[in-house]
């Protein structure tokens, strides 16, 4: 199985700031997403990835997934699931919301 590529907080912030064409997916529960999320992200919780991915994501999109922290495994599980579903360019932002918050990077509420 292909190893899932990762992305750093700084690389992700640059993509957001330069308005690169990619899909950022928060795989946590909607309640967590509503508290705050990384700008430009959409919410598809982990257990709905299979059901909702094709509605929001194209197989050729660059997709970056994240969850709460490096201890949380939801984003890596989501990334593997997306690869299994045929999505070609999937990256995991492993630091998640905790690291993003610690770096005082921008948030949306």
N, C-alpha and C. Protein backbone atom coordinates (compact mmCIF):
# COMPACT_ATOMS: atom_id res chain seq x y z
N UNK A 1 0.85 -1.20 0.00
CA UNK A 1 0.00 0.00 0.00
C UNK A 1 0.88 1.24 0.00
N UNK A 2 0.48 2.24 -0.75
CA UNK A 2 1.25 3.48 -0.81
C UNK A 2 1.29 4.16 0.55
N UNK A 3 2.45 4.67 0.88
CA UNK A 3 2.59 5.44 2.10
C UNK A 3 1.88 6.78 1.90
N UNK A 4 1.20 7.25 2.93
CA UNK A 4 0.49 8.52 2.83
C UNK A 4 1.50 9.66 3.03
N UNK A 5 1.47 10.62 2.13
CA UNK A 5 2.34 11.78 2.26
C UNK A 5 1.80 12.70 3.35
N UNK A 6 2.71 13.44 3.97
CA UNK A 6 2.30 14.39 5.00
C UNK A 6 2.65 15.80 4.56
N UNK A 7 2.09 16.76 5.25
CA UNK A 7 2.34 18.17 4.98
C UNK A 7 2.50 18.89 6.32
N UNK A 8 3.37 19.88 6.36
CA UNK A 8 3.59 20.63 7.61
C UNK A 8 2.57 21.77 7.71
N UNK A 9 2.47 22.32 8.91
CA UNK A 9 1.59 23.46 9.13
C UNK A 9 1.99 24.63 8.25
N UNK A 10 3.29 24.86 8.14
CA UNK A 10 3.78 25.98 7.34
C UNK A 10 3.46 25.80 5.85
N UNK A 11 3.62 24.56 5.37
CA UNK A 11 3.29 24.28 3.96
C UNK A 11 1.79 24.49 3.71
N UNK A 12 0.97 24.05 4.66
CA UNK A 12 -0.47 24.20 4.53
C UNK A 12 -0.86 25.68 4.56
N UNK A 13 -0.29 26.43 5.48
CA UNK A 13 -0.59 27.86 5.57
C UNK A 13 -0.22 28.57 4.26
N UNK A 14 0.90 28.21 3.68
CA UNK A 14 1.31 28.81 2.41
C UNK A 14 0.30 28.49 1.31
N UNK A 15 -0.18 27.25 1.25
CA UNK A 15 -1.18 26.87 0.24
C UNK A 15 -2.46 27.69 0.42
N UNK A 16 -2.87 27.89 1.68
CA UNK A 16 -4.08 28.67 1.96
C UNK A 16 -3.85 30.13 1.55
N UNK A 17 -2.74 30.71 1.99
CA UNK A 17 -2.45 32.12 1.71
C UNK A 17 -2.31 32.41 0.22
N UNK A 18 -1.74 31.46 -0.52
CA UNK A 18 -1.54 31.65 -1.96
C UNK A 18 -2.73 31.16 -2.78
N UNK A 19 -3.79 30.73 -2.04
CA UNK A 19 -5.04 30.29 -2.67
C UNK A 19 -4.82 29.18 -3.71
N UNK A 20 -3.96 28.23 -3.36
CA UNK A 20 -3.74 27.08 -4.23
C UNK A 20 -5.06 26.32 -4.38
N UNK A 21 -5.19 25.59 -5.46
CA UNK A 21 -6.39 24.82 -5.71
C UNK A 21 -6.24 23.44 -5.06
N UNK A 22 -6.83 23.27 -3.90
CA UNK A 22 -6.80 21.99 -3.19
C UNK A 22 -8.03 21.93 -2.29
N UNK A 23 -8.32 20.73 -1.80
CA UNK A 23 -9.43 20.55 -0.87
C UNK A 23 -8.87 20.19 0.50
N UNK A 24 -9.26 20.95 1.51
CA UNK A 24 -8.84 20.72 2.88
C UNK A 24 -10.02 20.15 3.65
N UNK A 25 -9.83 18.98 4.25
CA UNK A 25 -10.94 18.27 4.88
C UNK A 25 -10.67 18.03 6.36
N UNK A 26 -11.54 18.60 7.19
CA UNK A 26 -11.55 18.35 8.63
C UNK A 26 -12.37 17.07 8.82
N UNK A 27 -11.75 16.02 9.37
CA UNK A 27 -12.45 14.73 9.48
C UNK A 27 -13.02 14.49 10.88
N UNK A 28 -13.07 15.55 11.70
CA UNK A 28 -13.63 15.45 13.04
C UNK A 28 -15.14 15.61 13.01
N UNK A 29 -15.77 15.48 14.17
CA UNK A 29 -17.22 15.62 14.26
C UNK A 29 -17.64 17.05 13.92
N UNK A 30 -18.85 17.23 13.40
CA UNK A 30 -19.33 18.58 13.08
C UNK A 30 -19.26 19.54 14.27
N UNK A 31 -19.47 19.06 15.48
CA UNK A 31 -19.41 19.94 16.66
C UNK A 31 -18.02 20.53 16.83
N UNK A 32 -16.99 19.74 16.56
CA UNK A 32 -15.61 20.24 16.64
C UNK A 32 -15.35 21.24 15.52
N UNK A 33 -15.82 20.92 14.33
CA UNK A 33 -15.65 21.80 13.17
C UNK A 33 -16.31 23.15 13.43
N UNK A 34 -17.50 23.14 14.04
CA UNK A 34 -18.24 24.38 14.29
C UNK A 34 -17.55 25.27 15.32
N UNK A 35 -16.82 24.66 16.28
CA UNK A 35 -16.09 25.48 17.27
C UNK A 35 -15.07 26.35 16.57
N UNK A 36 -14.25 25.73 15.74
CA UNK A 36 -13.32 26.42 14.84
C UNK A 36 -12.68 25.41 13.93
N UNK A 37 -12.23 25.90 12.78
CA UNK A 37 -11.56 25.03 11.82
C UNK A 37 -10.52 25.84 11.06
N UNK A 38 -9.65 25.13 10.37
CA UNK A 38 -8.63 25.77 9.56
C UNK A 38 -9.33 26.42 8.36
N UNK A 39 -8.96 27.67 8.03
CA UNK A 39 -9.64 28.37 6.92
C UNK A 39 -9.68 27.54 5.63
N UNK A 40 -10.77 27.65 4.95
CA UNK A 40 -11.07 27.01 3.66
C UNK A 40 -11.36 25.51 3.77
N UNK A 41 -11.40 24.98 4.99
CA UNK A 41 -11.67 23.54 5.11
C UNK A 41 -13.16 23.24 5.05
N UNK A 42 -13.45 22.02 4.61
CA UNK A 42 -14.81 21.49 4.66
C UNK A 42 -14.81 20.37 5.69
N UNK A 43 -15.99 19.99 6.13
CA UNK A 43 -16.10 18.95 7.17
C UNK A 43 -16.73 17.70 6.60
N UNK A 44 -15.95 16.62 6.58
CA UNK A 44 -16.49 15.29 6.27
C UNK A 44 -15.94 14.38 7.35
N UNK A 45 -16.77 14.05 8.34
CA UNK A 45 -16.24 13.24 9.44
C UNK A 45 -15.82 11.87 8.94
N UNK A 46 -14.85 11.31 9.66
CA UNK A 46 -14.21 10.07 9.24
C UNK A 46 -15.19 8.99 8.85
N UNK A 47 -16.21 8.74 9.66
CA UNK A 47 -17.11 7.62 9.36
C UNK A 47 -18.07 7.90 8.20
N UNK A 48 -17.99 9.10 7.60
CA UNK A 48 -18.82 9.41 6.44
C UNK A 48 -18.00 9.62 5.17
N UNK A 49 -16.69 9.38 5.25
CA UNK A 49 -15.80 9.60 4.10
C UNK A 49 -16.29 8.83 2.87
N UNK A 50 -16.56 7.54 3.04
CA UNK A 50 -16.98 6.74 1.88
C UNK A 50 -18.27 7.26 1.27
N UNK A 51 -19.19 7.68 2.13
CA UNK A 51 -20.51 8.12 1.68
C UNK A 51 -20.46 9.50 1.00
N UNK A 52 -19.64 10.42 1.54
CA UNK A 52 -19.70 11.81 1.10
C UNK A 52 -18.55 12.26 0.22
N UNK A 53 -17.48 11.49 0.14
CA UNK A 53 -16.29 11.93 -0.60
C UNK A 53 -16.62 12.34 -2.03
N UNK A 54 -17.34 11.49 -2.76
CA UNK A 54 -17.57 11.78 -4.18
C UNK A 54 -18.46 13.00 -4.38
N UNK A 55 -19.22 13.39 -3.36
CA UNK A 55 -20.07 14.59 -3.46
C UNK A 55 -19.22 15.86 -3.42
N UNK A 56 -18.13 15.83 -2.65
CA UNK A 56 -17.33 17.03 -2.42
C UNK A 56 -15.95 17.01 -3.06
N UNK A 57 -15.47 15.83 -3.43
CA UNK A 57 -14.09 15.69 -3.89
C UNK A 57 -14.04 15.03 -5.26
N UNK A 58 -13.10 15.47 -6.07
CA UNK A 58 -12.85 14.86 -7.37
C UNK A 58 -11.64 13.94 -7.24
N UNK A 59 -11.61 12.86 -8.00
CA UNK A 59 -10.50 11.89 -7.89
C UNK A 59 -9.14 12.52 -8.16
N UNK A 60 -9.10 13.61 -8.92
CA UNK A 60 -7.82 14.25 -9.24
C UNK A 60 -7.50 15.45 -8.37
N UNK A 61 -8.36 15.79 -7.41
CA UNK A 61 -8.09 16.91 -6.50
C UNK A 61 -6.87 16.61 -5.64
N UNK A 62 -6.14 17.68 -5.28
CA UNK A 62 -5.17 17.54 -4.19
C UNK A 62 -6.01 17.66 -2.92
N UNK A 63 -5.93 16.65 -2.06
CA UNK A 63 -6.75 16.60 -0.85
C UNK A 63 -5.83 16.54 0.35
N UNK A 64 -6.09 17.42 1.32
CA UNK A 64 -5.34 17.41 2.57
C UNK A 64 -6.35 17.20 3.69
N UNK A 65 -6.09 16.19 4.51
CA UNK A 65 -6.99 15.88 5.63
C UNK A 65 -6.31 16.20 6.95
N UNK A 66 -7.12 16.55 7.95
CA UNK A 66 -6.57 16.78 9.29
C UNK A 66 -7.60 16.43 10.35
N UNK A 67 -7.09 16.20 11.56
CA UNK A 67 -7.97 15.96 12.71
C UNK A 67 -7.49 16.81 13.88
N UNK A 68 -7.51 16.28 15.09
CA UNK A 68 -7.22 17.13 16.25
C UNK A 68 -5.75 17.28 16.57
N UNK A 69 -4.97 16.21 16.38
CA UNK A 69 -3.55 16.29 16.77
C UNK A 69 -2.81 15.08 16.20
N UNK A 70 -1.51 15.05 16.44
CA UNK A 70 -0.72 13.92 15.95
C UNK A 70 -1.08 12.62 16.67
N UNK A 71 -1.68 12.72 17.86
CA UNK A 71 -2.11 11.50 18.57
C UNK A 71 -3.40 10.94 17.97
N UNK A 72 -4.19 11.81 17.37
CA UNK A 72 -5.45 11.41 16.75
C UNK A 72 -5.15 10.67 15.45
N UNK A 73 -5.78 9.55 15.23
CA UNK A 73 -5.53 8.75 14.03
C UNK A 73 -6.59 8.95 12.95
N UNK A 74 -7.57 9.81 13.20
CA UNK A 74 -8.68 9.96 12.26
C UNK A 74 -8.22 10.43 10.88
N UNK A 75 -7.27 11.38 10.84
CA UNK A 75 -6.86 11.89 9.53
C UNK A 75 -6.06 10.85 8.75
N UNK A 76 -5.22 10.09 9.43
CA UNK A 76 -4.46 9.06 8.70
C UNK A 76 -5.40 7.95 8.21
N UNK A 77 -6.42 7.62 9.00
CA UNK A 77 -7.41 6.63 8.55
C UNK A 77 -8.19 7.17 7.36
N UNK A 78 -8.55 8.45 7.42
CA UNK A 78 -9.29 9.07 6.31
C UNK A 78 -8.43 9.10 5.05
N UNK A 79 -7.16 9.43 5.20
CA UNK A 79 -6.25 9.49 4.04
C UNK A 79 -6.13 8.11 3.39
N UNK A 80 -5.96 7.07 4.21
CA UNK A 80 -5.87 5.71 3.66
C UNK A 80 -7.17 5.32 2.95
N UNK A 81 -8.29 5.67 3.55
CA UNK A 81 -9.60 5.35 2.95
C UNK A 81 -9.76 6.06 1.61
N UNK A 82 -9.38 7.33 1.55
CA UNK A 82 -9.49 8.08 0.29
C UNK A 82 -8.61 7.45 -0.79
N UNK A 83 -7.40 7.03 -0.42
CA UNK A 83 -6.52 6.36 -1.39
C UNK A 83 -7.18 5.08 -1.89
N UNK A 84 -7.78 4.31 -0.97
CA UNK A 84 -8.47 3.08 -1.36
C UNK A 84 -9.62 3.37 -2.32
N UNK A 85 -10.27 4.51 -2.16
CA UNK A 85 -11.40 4.89 -3.01
C UNK A 85 -10.94 5.43 -4.36
N UNK A 86 -9.63 5.56 -4.54
CA UNK A 86 -9.11 5.98 -5.84
C UNK A 86 -8.63 7.41 -5.94
N UNK A 87 -8.66 8.14 -4.83
CA UNK A 87 -8.15 9.52 -4.85
C UNK A 87 -6.64 9.45 -4.93
N UNK A 88 -6.08 10.21 -5.85
CA UNK A 88 -4.66 10.05 -6.19
C UNK A 88 -3.71 10.88 -5.34
N UNK A 89 -4.09 12.12 -5.02
CA UNK A 89 -3.19 13.06 -4.35
C UNK A 89 -3.74 13.40 -2.97
N UNK A 90 -3.43 12.56 -1.99
CA UNK A 90 -3.95 12.73 -0.64
C UNK A 90 -2.78 12.94 0.32
N UNK A 91 -2.89 13.99 1.15
CA UNK A 91 -1.86 14.26 2.16
C UNK A 91 -2.52 14.38 3.52
N UNK A 92 -1.76 14.05 4.55
CA UNK A 92 -2.23 14.11 5.93
C UNK A 92 -1.49 15.24 6.64
N UNK A 93 -2.24 16.22 7.15
CA UNK A 93 -1.64 17.23 8.02
C UNK A 93 -1.74 16.67 9.44
N UNK A 94 -0.67 16.01 9.87
CA UNK A 94 -0.69 15.24 11.12
C UNK A 94 -0.79 16.10 12.37
N UNK A 95 -0.25 17.30 12.34
CA UNK A 95 -0.26 18.16 13.53
C UNK A 95 -1.67 18.55 13.95
N UNK A 96 -2.55 18.65 12.98
CA UNK A 96 -3.96 18.91 13.24
C UNK A 96 -4.24 20.22 13.96
N UNK A 97 -5.43 20.28 14.52
CA UNK A 97 -5.91 21.52 15.14
C UNK A 97 -5.03 21.95 16.31
N UNK A 98 -4.51 21.01 17.07
CA UNK A 98 -3.70 21.39 18.22
C UNK A 98 -2.45 22.18 17.79
N UNK A 99 -1.72 21.62 16.82
CA UNK A 99 -0.51 22.31 16.35
C UNK A 99 -0.86 23.65 15.71
N UNK A 100 -1.92 23.67 14.89
CA UNK A 100 -2.35 24.90 14.22
C UNK A 100 -2.62 25.98 15.25
N UNK A 101 -3.32 25.61 16.32
CA UNK A 101 -3.66 26.53 17.40
C UNK A 101 -2.39 27.00 18.14
N UNK A 102 -1.48 26.07 18.42
CA UNK A 102 -0.24 26.42 19.13
C UNK A 102 0.60 27.41 18.33
N UNK A 103 0.51 27.35 17.02
CA UNK A 103 1.28 28.25 16.15
C UNK A 103 0.55 29.58 15.93
N UNK A 104 -0.64 29.69 16.52
CA UNK A 104 -1.46 30.89 16.36
C UNK A 104 -1.74 31.23 14.90
N UNK A 105 -1.94 30.18 14.09
CA UNK A 105 -2.29 30.37 12.69
C UNK A 105 -3.79 30.73 12.62
N UNK A 106 -4.22 31.32 11.50
CA UNK A 106 -5.62 31.79 11.42
C UNK A 106 -6.64 30.66 11.51
N UNK A 107 -7.82 31.04 12.06
CA UNK A 107 -8.92 30.09 12.25
C UNK A 107 -10.19 30.70 11.68
N UNK A 108 -11.13 29.83 11.36
CA UNK A 108 -12.49 30.27 11.03
C UNK A 108 -13.43 29.69 12.07
N UNK A 109 -14.43 30.50 12.41
CA UNK A 109 -15.41 30.08 13.43
C UNK A 109 -16.78 29.94 12.83
